[in-house]
Amino acid sequence: MNHAQRFRYAIAGLGLSLGLGFAMPAAAQQRSYLIWLDPGKIDVAKIIGLPPAQNSPENKAEFDRVLQISSTRTPEREKAAIADQYQTLNRFLDGIDHSYVDAAHREMRLLFKEAQVEASIVLLSVRRLTSRQRPFTVWNKVRIKPCPGGRPDGTSFPSGHAATAALYAELLSEAVPELAAKFEERVKSYDESRLVCGFHYPSDLTAGDKAGRAIAKALLAERAFRNRFDETRPEIRKAFGLT
C-alpha cells in the first residue's frame, strides 16, 4: 500500500470510527488508521488531563467566562467566528499575509491535511474518556446563545479546533520561524472563536492546544514525516513570499 492509499484509508477509517460512535477500542483504531505515528506514541490523556467536574466552582467560572464573551460579541466578530468553524489550512491562514492557494501549493495542502487527520485519530482515544457537555447545551440560570448555523455535537473536551490550530502553528513555525509570532496570534483568535460561539470552554482549548503541539512535535521527530516535511519546506516558505 503506497502513501496516498494509506492516507485515503485513514480518512475512510476515521469517518467509519466517527459513524460507529468509536465502537472500536482506541488502540485498534490507531493501529488501523494512523499514517505516520506508532500507536501509543503519544499519551495524550496524560498530557491534557481531565476537564473540571461538571458541578465544580472551576466549571462554573468557565461557564461564566464563555457567557460573557459570547453575549458581548459583535456582528463582525460573530461572522469571523462562524467562518472559523472550518478546520482548513486556508481558513487558518486568513488574516495572515500569504499567497497560499490550494491548487498552487498542493504538497503543502496534502501534508498539512495528513497531519490534521493524524491528530484527529489520536484525539479519538481521549474523547472516548470524557462526555463534557458543550457550553451552549448547559442551563446555568441563563443559557448561552450559540452562533447561528451548524452546531457541533459530541464531547466538548478537548477542542479539536484548538488542536488543529496548534498543530498548524507548530508546523508552520518550523518551516517559517520568521512568522512564528503571527502564527501564534492566529491561534489565539481561532481559539477565541470557539468561545465567541459558545462551543467550548477555555480548558477545552488549553487541552486541545497541548495535544496539537505534542502531536506536531511527535510528527516532526518521525523520520518519514520529517523527510516529507523537509521536501515540502520550500513550498511552505514560498506561500509566504520567502525563499
C-alpha atoms as a PDB file:
ATOM      1  CA  MET A   1       0.000   0.000   0.000  1.00  0.00           C
ATOM      2  CA  ASN A   2       1.570   3.319  -1.041  1.00  0.00           C
ATOM      3  CA  HIS A   3       1.406   6.575   0.901  1.00  0.00           C
ATOM      4  CA  ALA A   4      -1.559   8.019  -0.976  1.00  0.00           C
ATOM      5  CA  GLN A   5      -3.528   4.815  -0.448  1.00  0.00           C
ATOM      6  CA  ARG A   6      -2.729   4.813   3.273  1.00  0.00           C
ATOM      7  CA  PHE A   7      -3.946   8.399   3.536  1.00  0.00           C
ATOM      8  CA  ARG A   8      -7.246   7.591   1.820  1.00  0.00           C
ATOM      9  CA  TYR A   9      -7.613   4.540   4.058  1.00  0.00           C
ATOM     10  CA  ALA A  10      -7.026   6.670   7.146  1.00  0.00           C
ATOM     11  CA  ILE A  11      -9.624   9.213   6.017  1.00  0.00           C
ATOM     12  CA  ALA A  12     -12.170   6.468   5.380  1.00  0.00           C
ATOM     13  CA  GLY A  13     -11.354   4.784   8.665  1.00  0.00           C
ATOM     14  CA  LEU A  14     -11.708   7.998  10.611  1.00  0.00           C
ATOM     15  CA  GLY A  15     -15.138   8.568   9.124  1.00  0.00           C
ATOM     16  CA  LEU A  16     -16.139   4.992   9.917  1.00  0.00           C
ATOM     17  CA  SER A  17     -14.978   5.314  13.513  1.00  0.00           C
ATOM     18  CA  LEU A  18     -16.932   8.531  13.953  1.00  0.00           C
ATOM     19  CA  GLY A  19     -20.010   6.982  12.397  1.00  0.00           C
ATOM     20  CA  LEU A  20     -19.802   3.999  14.736  1.00  0.00           C
ATOM     21  CA  GLY A  21     -19.521   6.205  17.790  1.00  0.00           C
ATOM     22  CA  PHE A  22     -15.960   4.998  18.437  1.00  0.00           C
ATOM     23  CA  ALA A  23     -17.195   1.413  18.844  1.00  0.00           C
ATOM     24  CA  MET A  24     -13.709   0.109  18.150  1.00  0.00           C
ATOM     25  CA  PRO A  25     -11.187   0.156  21.017  1.00  0.00           C
ATOM     26  CA  ALA A  26      -8.919   3.206  20.839  1.00  0.00           C
ATOM     27  CA  ALA A  27      -5.778   1.127  20.356  1.00  0.00           C
ATOM     28  CA  ALA A  28      -7.384  -0.745  17.459  1.00  0.00           C
ATOM     29  CA  GLN A  29      -8.483   2.491  15.825  1.00  0.00           C
ATOM     30  CA  GLN A  30      -4.981   3.934  15.984  1.00  0.00           C
ATOM     31  CA  ARG A  31      -3.329   0.701  14.856  1.00  0.00           C
ATOM     32  CA  SER A  32      -5.577   0.553  11.799  1.00  0.00           C
ATOM     33  CA  TYR A  33      -5.605   4.142  10.659  1.00  0.00           C
ATOM     34  CA  LEU A  34      -2.569   6.110  11.808  1.00  0.00           C
ATOM     35  CA  ILE A  35      -0.443   7.276   8.882  1.00  0.00           C
ATOM     36  CA  TRP A  36       2.827   8.352  10.499  1.00  0.00           C
ATOM     37  CA  LEU A  37       2.880   7.691  14.234  1.00  0.00           C
ATOM     38  CA  ASP A  38       3.079   4.357  16.018  1.00  0.00           C
ATOM     39  CA  PRO A  39       0.013   3.541  18.167  1.00  0.00           C
ATOM     40  CA  GLY A  40       0.536   4.729  21.719  1.00  0.00           C
ATOM     41  CA  LYS A  41       3.388   7.011  20.667  1.00  0.00           C
ATOM     42  CA  ILE A  42       1.729   9.928  22.464  1.00  0.00           C
ATOM     43  CA  ASP A  43      -0.059   9.602  25.791  1.00  0.00           C
ATOM     44  CA  VAL A  44      -2.499  12.418  25.085  1.00  0.00           C
ATOM     45  CA  ALA A  45      -4.641  11.643  28.136  1.00  0.00           C
ATOM     46  CA  LYS A  46      -1.630  12.197  30.377  1.00  0.00           C
ATOM     47  CA  ILE A  47      -0.686  15.388  28.543  1.00  0.00           C
ATOM     48  CA  ILE A  48      -4.091  17.077  28.755  1.00  0.00           C
ATOM     49  CA  GLY A  49      -5.593  15.591  31.927  1.00  0.00           C
ATOM     50  CA  LEU A  50      -9.334  15.854  32.553  1.00  0.00           C
ATOM     51  CA  PRO A  51     -11.717  18.831  32.476  1.00  0.00           C
ATOM     52  CA  PRO A  52     -13.145  20.351  35.686  1.00  0.00           C
ATOM     53  CA  ALA A  53     -16.017  18.396  37.207  1.00  0.00           C
ATOM     54  CA  GLN A  54     -19.428  19.499  35.965  1.00  0.00           C
ATOM     55  CA  ASN A  55     -20.610  20.966  39.277  1.00  0.00           C
ATOM     56  CA  SER A  56     -17.265  22.361  40.389  1.00  0.00           C
ATOM     57  CA  PRO A  57     -16.537  26.066  41.013  1.00  0.00           C
ATOM     58  CA  GLU A  58     -13.931  25.878  38.241  1.00  0.00           C
ATOM     59  CA  ASN A  59     -16.505  24.721  35.714  1.00  0.00           C
ATOM     60  CA  LYS A  60     -18.957  27.445  36.760  1.00  0.00           C
ATOM     61  CA  ALA A  61     -16.236  30.097  36.394  1.00  0.00           C
ATOM     62  CA  GLU A  62     -15.517  28.810  32.894  1.00  0.00           C
ATOM     63  CA  PHE A  63     -19.204  28.865  32.021  1.00  0.00           C
ATOM     64  CA  ASP A  64     -19.472  32.476  33.207  1.00  0.00           C
ATOM     65  CA  ARG A  65     -16.493  33.461  31.086  1.00  0.00           C
ATOM     66  CA  VAL A  66     -17.950  31.879  27.952  1.00  0.00           C
ATOM     67  CA  LEU A  67     -21.292  33.539  28.699  1.00  0.00           C
ATOM     68  CA  GLN A  68     -19.621  36.937  28.980  1.00  0.00           C
ATOM     69  CA  ILE A  69     -17.613  36.545  25.773  1.00  0.00           C
ATOM     70  CA  SER A  70     -20.460  35.094  23.709  1.00  0.00           C
ATOM     71  CA  SER A  71     -23.107  37.556  24.929  1.00  0.00           C
ATOM     72  CA  THR A  72     -20.993  40.621  24.087  1.00  0.00           C
ATOM     73  CA  ARG A  73     -19.877  39.522  20.621  1.00  0.00           C
ATOM     74  CA  THR A  74     -20.311  41.987  17.808  1.00  0.00           C
ATOM     75  CA  PRO A  75     -21.851  41.032  14.449  1.00  0.00           C
ATOM     76  CA  GLU A  76     -18.404  41.287  12.868  1.00  0.00           C
ATOM     77  CA  ARG A  77     -16.805  39.009  15.455  1.00  0.00           C
ATOM     78  CA  GLU A  78     -19.645  36.532  15.153  1.00  0.00           C
ATOM     79  CA  LYS A  79     -19.187  36.399  11.392  1.00  0.00           C
ATOM     80  CA  ALA A  80     -15.475  35.688  11.773  1.00  0.00           C
ATOM     81  CA  ALA A  81     -16.162  33.048  14.424  1.00  0.00           C
ATOM     82  CA  ILE A  82     -18.640  31.281  12.160  1.00  0.00           C
ATOM     83  CA  ALA A  83     -16.049  31.239   9.374  1.00  0.00           C
ATOM     84  CA  ASP A  84     -13.512  29.801  11.834  1.00  0.00           C
ATOM     85  CA  GLN A  85     -15.631  26.677  12.161  1.00  0.00           C
ATOM     86  CA  TYR A  86     -13.796  25.420   9.052  1.00  0.00           C
ATOM     87  CA  GLN A  87     -10.768  23.364  10.086  1.00  0.00           C
ATOM     88  CA  THR A  88      -8.727  24.021   6.974  1.00  0.00           C
ATOM     89  CA  LEU A  89      -5.282  25.433   6.404  1.00  0.00           C
ATOM     90  CA  ASN A  90      -6.754  28.063   4.108  1.00  0.00           C
ATOM     91  CA  ARG A  91      -9.082  29.324   6.849  1.00  0.00           C
ATOM     92  CA  PHE A  92      -6.376  29.274   9.492  1.00  0.00           C
ATOM     93  CA  LEU A  93      -4.188  31.447   7.273  1.00  0.00           C
ATOM     94  CA  ASP A  94      -6.903  34.078   6.838  1.00  0.00           C
ATOM     95  CA  GLY A  95      -5.701  37.291   8.422  1.00  0.00           C
ATOM     96  CA  ILE A  96      -2.045  36.417   7.796  1.00  0.00           C
ATOM     97  CA  ASP A  97      -0.299  37.868   4.761  1.00  0.00           C
ATOM     98  CA  HIS A  98       0.245  34.934   2.414  1.00  0.00           C
ATOM     99  CA  SER A  99      -0.049  33.758  -1.176  1.00  0.00           C
ATOM    100  CA  TYR A 100      -1.153  30.231  -0.330  1.00  0.00           C
ATOM    101  CA  VAL A 101      -3.564  28.692  -2.843  1.00  0.00           C
ATOM    102  CA  ASP A 102      -4.659  25.056  -2.683  1.00  0.00           C
ATOM    103  CA  ALA A 103      -4.012  24.410  -6.364  1.00  0.00           C
ATOM    104  CA  ALA A 104      -0.641  26.141  -6.363  1.00  0.00           C
ATOM    105  CA  HIS A 105       0.625  24.589  -3.118  1.00  0.00           C
ATOM    106  CA  ARG A 106      -0.599  21.029  -3.464  1.00  0.00           C
ATOM    107  CA  GLU A 107       2.164  19.296  -1.492  1.00  0.00           C
ATOM    108  CA  MET A 108       1.760  21.746   1.389  1.00  0.00           C
ATOM    109  CA  ARG A 109      -2.009  21.217   1.449  1.00  0.00           C
ATOM    110  CA  LEU A 110      -1.670  17.420   1.433  1.00  0.00           C
ATOM    111  CA  LEU A 111       0.993  17.371   4.135  1.00  0.00           C
ATOM    112  CA  PHE A 112      -0.999  19.561   6.496  1.00  0.00           C
ATOM    113  CA  LYS A 113      -4.181  17.630   5.803  1.00  0.00           C
ATOM    114  CA  GLU A 114      -2.454  14.359   6.600  1.00  0.00           C
ATOM    115  CA  ALA A 115      -1.097  15.843   9.832  1.00  0.00           C
ATOM    116  CA  GLN A 116      -4.597  17.025  10.758  1.00  0.00           C
ATOM    117  CA  VAL A 117      -6.063  13.568  10.118  1.00  0.00           C
ATOM    118  CA  GLU A 118      -3.314  12.070  12.276  1.00  0.00           C
ATOM    119  CA  ALA A 119      -4.217  14.459  15.092  1.00  0.00           C
ATOM    120  CA  SER A 120      -7.918  13.654  14.770  1.00  0.00           C
ATOM    121  CA  ILE A 121      -7.253   9.927  15.076  1.00  0.00           C
ATOM    122  CA  VAL A 122      -5.026  10.404  18.122  1.00  0.00           C
ATOM    123  CA  LEU A 123      -7.692  12.574  19.786  1.00  0.00           C
ATOM    124  CA  LEU A 124     -10.318   9.856  19.354  1.00  0.00           C
ATOM    125  CA  SER A 125      -8.670   7.898  22.145  1.00  0.00           C
ATOM    126  CA  VAL A 126      -9.143  10.669  24.729  1.00  0.00           C
ATOM    127  CA  ARG A 127     -12.526  11.868  23.549  1.00  0.00           C
ATOM    128  CA  ARG A 128     -13.912   8.454  24.404  1.00  0.00           C
ATOM    129  CA  LEU A 129     -12.925   9.102  28.025  1.00  0.00           C
ATOM    130  CA  THR A 130     -14.954  12.284  28.507  1.00  0.00           C
ATOM    131  CA  SER A 131     -18.535  13.364  27.972  1.00  0.00           C
ATOM    132  CA  ARG A 132     -18.325  17.062  28.771  1.00  0.00           C
ATOM    133  CA  GLN A 133     -21.359  18.968  27.589  1.00  0.00           C
ATOM    134  CA  ARG A 134     -20.754  21.951  25.358  1.00  0.00           C
ATOM    135  CA  PRO A 135     -21.449  25.341  26.980  1.00  0.00           C
ATOM    136  CA  PHE A 136     -24.439  26.180  24.787  1.00  0.00           C
ATOM    137  CA  THR A 137     -26.214  22.963  25.826  1.00  0.00           C
ATOM    138  CA  VAL A 138     -25.941  23.706  29.560  1.00  0.00           C
ATOM    139  CA  TRP A 139     -28.603  25.570  31.539  1.00  0.00           C
ATOM    140  CA  ASN A 140     -26.959  27.503  34.371  1.00  0.00           C
ATOM    141  CA  LYS A 141     -29.615  30.094  35.376  1.00  0.00           C
ATOM    142  CA  VAL A 142     -29.089  31.539  31.897  1.00  0.00           C
ATOM    143  CA  ARG A 143     -28.375  29.850  28.588  1.00  0.00           C
ATOM    144  CA  ILE A 144     -25.546  30.677  26.229  1.00  0.00           C
ATOM    145  CA  LYS A 145     -26.689  31.618  22.744  1.00  0.00           C
ATOM    146  CA  PRO A 146     -24.569  29.782  20.164  1.00  0.00           C
ATOM    147  CA  CYS A 147     -23.629  31.221  16.809  1.00  0.00           C
ATOM    148  CA  PRO A 148     -26.234  30.529  14.120  1.00  0.00           C
ATOM    149  CA  GLY A 149     -25.660  27.671  11.712  1.00  0.00           C
ATOM    150  CA  GLY A 150     -24.224  24.251  12.358  1.00  0.00           C
ATOM    151  CA  ARG A 151     -23.744  23.317  15.986  1.00  0.00           C
ATOM    152  CA  PRO A 152     -21.080  20.771  16.939  1.00  0.00           C
ATOM    153  CA  ASP A 153     -22.052  17.659  18.849  1.00  0.00           C
ATOM    154  CA  GLY A 154     -20.045  15.195  20.843  1.00  0.00           C
ATOM    155  CA  THR A 155     -17.864  15.932  23.837  1.00  0.00           C
ATOM    156  CA  SER A 156     -16.562  19.449  24.369  1.00  0.00           C
ATOM    157  CA  PHE A 157     -13.195  18.240  25.706  1.00  0.00           C
ATOM    158  CA  PRO A 158     -10.656  18.555  24.215  1.00  0.00           C
ATOM    159  CA  SER A 159     -11.194  21.062  21.421  1.00  0.00           C
ATOM    160  CA  GLY A 160     -10.323  19.619  18.019  1.00  0.00           C
ATOM    161  CA  HIS A 161     -10.221  23.132  16.567  1.00  0.00           C
ATOM    162  CA  ALA A 162      -7.631  24.213  19.134  1.00  0.00           C
ATOM    163  CA  ALA A 163      -5.596  21.088  18.422  1.00  0.00           C
ATOM    164  CA  THR A 164      -5.691  21.835  14.696  1.00  0.00           C
ATOM    165  CA  ALA A 165      -4.639  25.460  15.202  1.00  0.00           C
ATOM    166  CA  ALA A 166      -1.727  24.473  17.449  1.00  0.00           C
ATOM    167  CA  LEU A 167      -0.689  21.723  15.036  1.00  0.00           C
ATOM    168  CA  TYR A 168      -0.672  24.149  12.111  1.00  0.00           C
ATOM    169  CA  ALA A 169       1.209  26.807  14.074  1.00  0.00           C
ATOM    170  CA  GLU A 170       3.923  24.388  15.184  1.00  0.00           C
ATOM    171  CA  LEU A 171       4.470  23.038  11.667  1.00  0.00           C
ATOM    172  CA  LEU A 172       4.376  26.474  10.049  1.00  0.00           C
ATOM    173  CA  SER A 173       6.769  27.913  12.628  1.00  0.00           C
ATOM    174  CA  GLU A 174       9.202  25.083  11.977  1.00  0.00           C
ATOM    175  CA  ALA A 175       9.287  25.997   8.279  1.00  0.00           C
ATOM    176  CA  VAL A 176       8.881  29.769   8.624  1.00  0.00           C
ATOM    177  CA  PRO A 177      10.291  30.775  12.038  1.00  0.00           C
ATOM    178  CA  GLU A 178      10.301  34.426  10.955  1.00  0.00           C
ATOM    179  CA  LEU A 179       6.499  34.472  11.191  1.00  0.00           C
ATOM    180  CA  ALA A 180       6.097  32.389  14.360  1.00  0.00           C
ATOM    181  CA  ALA A 181       4.598  35.306  16.307  1.00  0.00           C
ATOM    182  CA  LYS A 182       1.945  35.847  13.623  1.00  0.00           C
ATOM    183  CA  PHE A 183       1.017  32.184  13.651  1.00  0.00           C
ATOM    184  CA  GLU A 184       0.592  32.295  17.427  1.00  0.00           C
ATOM    185  CA  GLU A 185      -1.618  35.382  17.157  1.00  0.00           C
ATOM    186  CA  ARG A 186      -3.817  33.464  14.747  1.00  0.00           C
ATOM    187  CA  VAL A 187      -4.002  30.533  17.162  1.00  0.00           C
ATOM    188  CA  LYS A 188      -5.406  32.888  19.808  1.00  0.00           C
ATOM    189  CA  SER A 189      -8.072  34.371  17.539  1.00  0.00           C
ATOM    190  CA  TYR A 190      -9.016  30.977  16.088  1.00  0.00           C
ATOM    191  CA  ASP A 191      -9.392  29.529  19.580  1.00  0.00           C
ATOM    192  CA  GLU A 192     -11.308  32.568  20.810  1.00  0.00           C
ATOM    193  CA  SER A 193     -13.872  31.973  18.074  1.00  0.00           C
ATOM    194  CA  ARG A 194     -14.897  28.788  19.882  1.00  0.00           C
ATOM    195  CA  LEU A 195     -15.677  30.850  22.999  1.00  0.00           C
ATOM    196  CA  VAL A 196     -17.435  33.540  20.980  1.00  0.00           C
ATOM    197  CA  CYS A 197     -19.809  30.913  19.589  1.00  0.00           C
ATOM    198  CA  GLY A 198     -20.286  29.169  22.928  1.00  0.00           C
ATOM    199  CA  PHE A 199     -18.916  25.918  21.540  1.00  0.00           C
ATOM    200  CA  HIS A 200     -16.086  25.312  24.043  1.00  0.00           C
ATOM    201  CA  TYR A 201     -14.787  26.136  27.494  1.00  0.00           C
ATOM    202  CA  PRO A 202     -11.313  27.667  27.999  1.00  0.00           C
ATOM    203  CA  SER A 203      -9.936  24.405  29.417  1.00  0.00           C
ATOM    204  CA  ASP A 204     -11.123  22.604  26.263  1.00  0.00           C
ATOM    205  CA  LEU A 205      -8.951  24.963  24.255  1.00  0.00           C
ATOM    206  CA  THR A 206      -5.960  24.595  26.558  1.00  0.00           C
ATOM    207  CA  ALA A 207      -6.174  20.816  26.320  1.00  0.00           C
ATOM    208  CA  GLY A 208      -6.565  20.879  22.538  1.00  0.00           C
ATOM    209  CA  ASP A 209      -3.615  23.229  22.232  1.00  0.00           C
ATOM    210  CA  LYS A 210      -1.387  20.941  24.304  1.00  0.00           C
ATOM    211  CA  ALA A 211      -2.446  17.927  22.259  1.00  0.00           C
ATOM    212  CA  GLY A 212      -1.906  19.635  18.913  1.00  0.00           C
ATOM    213  CA  ARG A 213       1.594  20.778  19.826  1.00  0.00           C
ATOM    214  CA  ALA A 214       2.558  17.372  21.184  1.00  0.00           C
ATOM    215  CA  ILE A 215       1.338  15.695  18.010  1.00  0.00           C
ATOM    216  CA  ALA A 216       3.196  18.180  15.802  1.00  0.00           C
ATOM    217  CA  LYS A 217       6.447  17.599  17.690  1.00  0.00           C
ATOM    218  CA  ALA A 218       5.972  13.835  17.547  1.00  0.00           C
ATOM    219  CA  LEU A 219       5.393  14.002  13.796  1.00  0.00           C
ATOM    220  CA  LEU A 220       8.489  16.123  13.238  1.00  0.00           C
ATOM    221  CA  ALA A 221      10.502  13.574  15.231  1.00  0.00           C
ATOM    222  CA  GLU A 222       9.405  10.763  12.888  1.00  0.00           C
ATOM    223  CA  ARG A 223      11.977  10.280  10.129  1.00  0.00           C
ATOM    224  CA  ALA A 224       9.452   9.605   7.350  1.00  0.00           C
ATOM    225  CA  PHE A 225       7.350  12.642   8.190  1.00  0.00           C
ATOM    226  CA  ARG A 226      10.430  14.837   8.692  1.00  0.00           C
ATOM    227  CA  ASN A 227      11.776  13.876   5.278  1.00  0.00           C
ATOM    228  CA  ARG A 228       8.463  14.715   3.666  1.00  0.00           C
ATOM    229  CA  PHE A 229       8.279  17.947   5.638  1.00  0.00           C
ATOM    230  CA  ASP A 230      11.789  18.999   4.619  1.00  0.00           C
ATOM    231  CA  GLU A 231      10.960  18.295   0.981  1.00  0.00           C
ATOM    232  CA  THR A 232       7.873  20.496   1.272  1.00  0.00           C
ATOM    233  CA  ARG A 233       9.582  23.290   3.244  1.00  0.00           C
ATOM    234  CA  PRO A 234      10.495  25.381   0.129  1.00  0.00           C
ATOM    235  CA  GLU A 235       6.859  25.314  -0.982  1.00  0.00           C
ATOM    236  CA  ILE A 236       5.683  26.315   2.502  1.00  0.00           C
ATOM    237  CA  ARG A 237       8.082  29.249   2.591  1.00  0.00           C
ATOM    238  CA  LYS A 238       7.083  30.270  -0.922  1.00  0.00           C
ATOM    239  CA  ALA A 239       3.474  30.521   0.282  1.00  0.00           C
ATOM    240  CA  PHE A 240       4.624  33.430   2.430  1.00  0.00           C
ATOM    241  CA  GLY A 241       6.808  35.056  -0.210  1.00  0.00           C
ATOM    242  CA  LEU A 242      10.029  33.715   1.310  1.00  0.00           C
ATOM    243  CA  THR A 243      12.862  31.646  -0.074  1.00  0.00           C
END
